[in-house]
Amino acid sequence: MELHEHLDEVKDSATFLSFARALAAAGTNDDGWENTTIEAFLDGAISWAEDSDFGLSQGIAPSNPWRQFAAFLYCGKIYE
């Protein structure tokens, strides 16, 4: 399963942890990592959260905070 597919499945603590494990397994050797330091990772995640109102402008339901936080972590990987 691709990382974005794990992200799409997040709905509770168990599926969040499954996503987090998949993100960890991707490691920084994955070509999709834009942010390879903890500072850059968190800066990307925070920028995404501010720009998207924590995903609300992208259709992430506020009733699913597990999905919002998973997206926060995912965007730490890809958002510049």
N, C-alpha and C. Protein backbone atom coordinates (compact mmCIF):
# COMPACT_ATOMS: atom_id res chain seq x y z
N MET A 1 0.85 -1.17 0.00
CA MET A 1 0.00 0.00 0.00
C MET A 1 0.90 1.24 0.00
N GLU A 2 0.57 2.19 -0.83
CA GLU A 2 1.32 3.45 -0.92
C GLU A 2 1.02 4.31 0.31
N LEU A 3 1.94 5.20 0.63
CA LEU A 3 1.81 6.04 1.81
C LEU A 3 0.53 6.88 1.77
N HIS A 4 0.22 7.45 0.62
CA HIS A 4 -0.99 8.27 0.52
C HIS A 4 -2.25 7.43 0.72
N GLU A 5 -2.19 6.14 0.40
CA GLU A 5 -3.33 5.26 0.63
C GLU A 5 -3.51 5.00 2.13
N HIS A 6 -2.40 4.86 2.85
CA HIS A 6 -2.48 4.75 4.32
C HIS A 6 -3.10 6.02 4.89
N LEU A 7 -2.70 7.17 4.37
CA LEU A 7 -3.24 8.44 4.83
C LEU A 7 -4.75 8.50 4.63
N ASP A 8 -5.21 8.07 3.47
CA ASP A 8 -6.64 8.09 3.17
C ASP A 8 -7.46 7.20 4.10
N GLU A 9 -6.83 6.20 4.70
CA GLU A 9 -7.52 5.25 5.57
C GLU A 9 -7.63 5.71 7.02
N VAL A 10 -6.96 6.80 7.39
CA VAL A 10 -6.92 7.20 8.80
C VAL A 10 -8.28 7.70 9.27
N LYS A 11 -8.78 7.03 10.33
CA LYS A 11 -10.06 7.42 10.91
C LYS A 11 -10.08 7.30 12.43
N ASP A 12 -9.06 6.65 13.01
CA ASP A 12 -9.01 6.44 14.45
C ASP A 12 -7.56 6.20 14.86
N SER A 13 -7.35 5.91 16.14
CA SER A 13 -5.98 5.76 16.64
C SER A 13 -5.25 4.59 15.99
N ALA A 14 -5.95 3.49 15.74
CA ALA A 14 -5.29 2.32 15.14
C ALA A 14 -4.84 2.60 13.71
N THR A 15 -5.69 3.25 12.92
CA THR A 15 -5.31 3.54 11.54
C THR A 15 -4.28 4.67 11.48
N PHE A 16 -4.32 5.57 12.47
CA PHE A 16 -3.27 6.60 12.56
C PHE A 16 -1.92 5.95 12.80
N LEU A 17 -1.86 5.01 13.73
CA LEU A 17 -0.59 4.34 14.01
C LEU A 17 -0.11 3.52 12.81
N SER A 18 -1.03 2.93 12.07
CA SER A 18 -0.66 2.22 10.85
C SER A 18 -0.02 3.18 9.85
N PHE A 19 -0.62 4.36 9.70
CA PHE A 19 -0.04 5.38 8.83
C PHE A 19 1.34 5.81 9.34
N ALA A 20 1.45 6.07 10.65
CA ALA A 20 2.73 6.51 11.22
C ALA A 20 3.82 5.47 11.00
N ARG A 21 3.46 4.20 11.12
CA ARG A 21 4.44 3.13 10.85
C ARG A 21 4.87 3.15 9.38
N ALA A 22 3.92 3.36 8.49
CA ALA A 22 4.24 3.41 7.06
C ALA A 22 5.13 4.62 6.75
N LEU A 23 4.85 5.74 7.39
CA LEU A 23 5.67 6.94 7.19
C LEU A 23 7.09 6.68 7.69
N ALA A 24 7.22 6.06 8.85
CA ALA A 24 8.55 5.74 9.39
C ALA A 24 9.28 4.77 8.48
N ALA A 25 8.57 3.80 7.94
CA ALA A 25 9.19 2.80 7.06
C ALA A 25 9.67 3.43 5.76
N ALA A 26 9.01 4.51 5.34
CA ALA A 26 9.42 5.19 4.10
C ALA A 26 10.83 5.74 4.25
N GLY A 27 11.19 6.16 5.46
CA GLY A 27 12.54 6.67 5.70
C GLY A 27 12.87 7.85 4.81
N THR A 28 13.97 8.49 5.06
CA THR A 28 14.35 9.65 4.26
C THR A 28 15.04 9.25 2.97
N ASN A 29 15.21 7.96 2.73
CA ASN A 29 15.79 7.52 1.46
C ASN A 29 14.76 7.53 0.34
N ASP A 30 13.47 7.63 0.71
CA ASP A 30 12.39 7.70 -0.26
C ASP A 30 12.53 9.02 -1.04
N ASP A 31 12.45 8.95 -2.36
CA ASP A 31 12.63 10.15 -3.19
C ASP A 31 11.58 11.22 -2.93
N GLY A 32 10.46 10.87 -2.30
CA GLY A 32 9.38 11.83 -2.08
C GLY A 32 9.61 12.78 -0.92
N TRP A 33 10.71 12.64 -0.18
CA TRP A 33 10.96 13.51 0.97
C TRP A 33 11.53 14.84 0.49
N GLU A 34 10.78 15.90 0.72
CA GLU A 34 11.26 17.25 0.41
C GLU A 34 12.01 17.83 1.60
N ASN A 35 11.66 17.40 2.80
CA ASN A 35 12.20 17.98 4.03
C ASN A 35 12.93 16.89 4.81
N THR A 36 14.24 16.97 4.84
CA THR A 36 15.03 15.88 5.40
C THR A 36 15.66 16.18 6.75
N THR A 37 15.36 17.33 7.33
CA THR A 37 15.78 17.61 8.70
C THR A 37 14.52 17.80 9.53
N ILE A 38 14.61 17.63 10.84
CA ILE A 38 13.43 17.81 11.69
C ILE A 38 12.92 19.24 11.59
N GLU A 39 13.82 20.20 11.47
CA GLU A 39 13.41 21.60 11.35
C GLU A 39 12.61 21.82 10.07
N ALA A 40 13.12 21.32 8.96
CA ALA A 40 12.42 21.48 7.68
C ALA A 40 11.11 20.70 7.68
N PHE A 41 11.12 19.50 8.26
CA PHE A 41 9.91 18.68 8.35
C PHE A 41 8.80 19.43 9.10
N LEU A 42 9.14 19.95 10.28
CA LEU A 42 8.14 20.67 11.07
C LEU A 42 7.73 21.97 10.41
N ASP A 43 8.66 22.67 9.78
CA ASP A 43 8.33 23.90 9.07
C ASP A 43 7.34 23.62 7.94
N GLY A 44 7.57 22.54 7.18
CA GLY A 44 6.65 22.17 6.12
C GLY A 44 5.28 21.81 6.66
N ALA A 45 5.24 21.04 7.74
CA ALA A 45 3.97 20.64 8.34
C ALA A 45 3.21 21.85 8.87
N ILE A 46 3.91 22.74 9.56
CA ILE A 46 3.27 23.93 10.10
C ILE A 46 2.78 24.84 8.98
N SER A 47 3.56 25.00 7.93
CA SER A 47 3.14 25.82 6.79
C SER A 47 1.88 25.26 6.16
N TRP A 48 1.84 23.93 5.98
CA TRP A 48 0.63 23.30 5.43
C TRP A 48 -0.57 23.57 6.34
N ALA A 49 -0.40 23.38 7.65
CA ALA A 49 -1.50 23.58 8.60
C ALA A 49 -2.02 25.01 8.54
N GLU A 50 -1.12 25.97 8.46
CA GLU A 50 -1.53 27.38 8.39
C GLU A 50 -2.19 27.70 7.05
N ASP A 51 -1.62 27.20 5.96
CA ASP A 51 -2.14 27.50 4.63
C ASP A 51 -3.48 26.84 4.35
N SER A 52 -3.74 25.69 4.96
CA SER A 52 -4.96 24.92 4.65
C SER A 52 -5.96 24.91 5.79
N ASP A 53 -5.73 25.72 6.82
CA ASP A 53 -6.57 25.69 8.02
C ASP A 53 -6.65 24.27 8.56
N PHE A 54 -5.49 23.66 8.69
CA PHE A 54 -5.32 22.29 9.18
C PHE A 54 -6.12 21.29 8.35
N GLY A 55 -6.16 21.54 7.04
CA GLY A 55 -6.79 20.62 6.11
C GLY A 55 -8.25 20.90 5.83
N LEU A 56 -8.85 21.84 6.55
CA LEU A 56 -10.28 22.12 6.34
C LEU A 56 -10.55 22.62 4.92
N SER A 57 -9.64 23.42 4.38
CA SER A 57 -9.84 23.93 3.01
C SER A 57 -9.61 22.85 1.96
N GLN A 58 -9.10 21.70 2.39
CA GLN A 58 -8.87 20.57 1.48
C GLN A 58 -9.89 19.46 1.69
N GLY A 59 -10.90 19.73 2.50
CA GLY A 59 -11.97 18.76 2.69
C GLY A 59 -11.76 17.75 3.81
N ILE A 60 -10.75 17.94 4.64
CA ILE A 60 -10.56 17.04 5.78
C ILE A 60 -11.55 17.44 6.86
N ALA A 61 -12.36 16.49 7.29
CA ALA A 61 -13.42 16.77 8.26
C ALA A 61 -12.84 17.13 9.62
N PRO A 62 -13.33 18.21 10.23
CA PRO A 62 -12.85 18.58 11.56
C PRO A 62 -13.22 17.53 12.61
N SER A 63 -14.16 16.67 12.29
CA SER A 63 -14.57 15.62 13.22
C SER A 63 -13.59 14.46 13.24
N ASN A 64 -12.56 14.51 12.38
CA ASN A 64 -11.56 13.44 12.33
C ASN A 64 -10.17 14.00 12.63
N PRO A 65 -9.89 14.30 13.91
CA PRO A 65 -8.57 14.87 14.23
C PRO A 65 -7.43 13.90 13.95
N TRP A 66 -7.68 12.60 13.95
CA TRP A 66 -6.63 11.63 13.61
C TRP A 66 -6.17 11.85 12.18
N ARG A 67 -7.11 12.07 11.28
CA ARG A 67 -6.79 12.31 9.86
C ARG A 67 -6.07 13.64 9.71
N GLN A 68 -6.50 14.65 10.46
CA GLN A 68 -5.84 15.95 10.39
C GLN A 68 -4.38 15.84 10.82
N PHE A 69 -4.12 15.12 11.89
CA PHE A 69 -2.74 15.01 12.35
C PHE A 69 -1.92 14.14 11.43
N ALA A 70 -2.52 13.09 10.86
CA ALA A 70 -1.80 12.27 9.89
C ALA A 70 -1.42 13.12 8.67
N ALA A 71 -2.35 13.96 8.21
CA ALA A 71 -2.05 14.85 7.08
C ALA A 71 -0.94 15.83 7.46
N PHE A 72 -0.95 16.32 8.70
CA PHE A 72 0.10 17.20 9.19
C PHE A 72 1.46 16.53 9.05
N LEU A 73 1.56 15.27 9.49
CA LEU A 73 2.82 14.54 9.37
C LEU A 73 3.19 14.28 7.91
N TYR A 74 2.21 13.89 7.11
CA TYR A 74 2.46 13.63 5.69
C TYR A 74 2.98 14.89 5.00
N CYS A 75 2.37 16.01 5.32
CA CYS A 75 2.80 17.26 4.69
C CYS A 75 4.16 17.72 5.19
N GLY A 76 4.55 17.28 6.37
CA GLY A 76 5.93 17.53 6.81
C GLY A 76 6.92 16.89 5.87
N LYS A 77 6.51 15.80 5.25
CA LYS A 77 7.34 15.08 4.29
C LYS A 77 7.41 15.79 2.94
N ILE A 78 6.30 16.36 2.50
CA ILE A 78 6.21 16.83 1.11
C ILE A 78 6.03 18.33 0.91
N TYR A 79 5.56 19.05 1.92
CA TYR A 79 5.19 20.45 1.74
C TYR A 79 6.40 21.36 1.93
N GLU A 80 6.59 22.27 1.00
CA GLU A 80 7.72 23.21 1.11
C GLU A 80 7.24 24.61 1.39
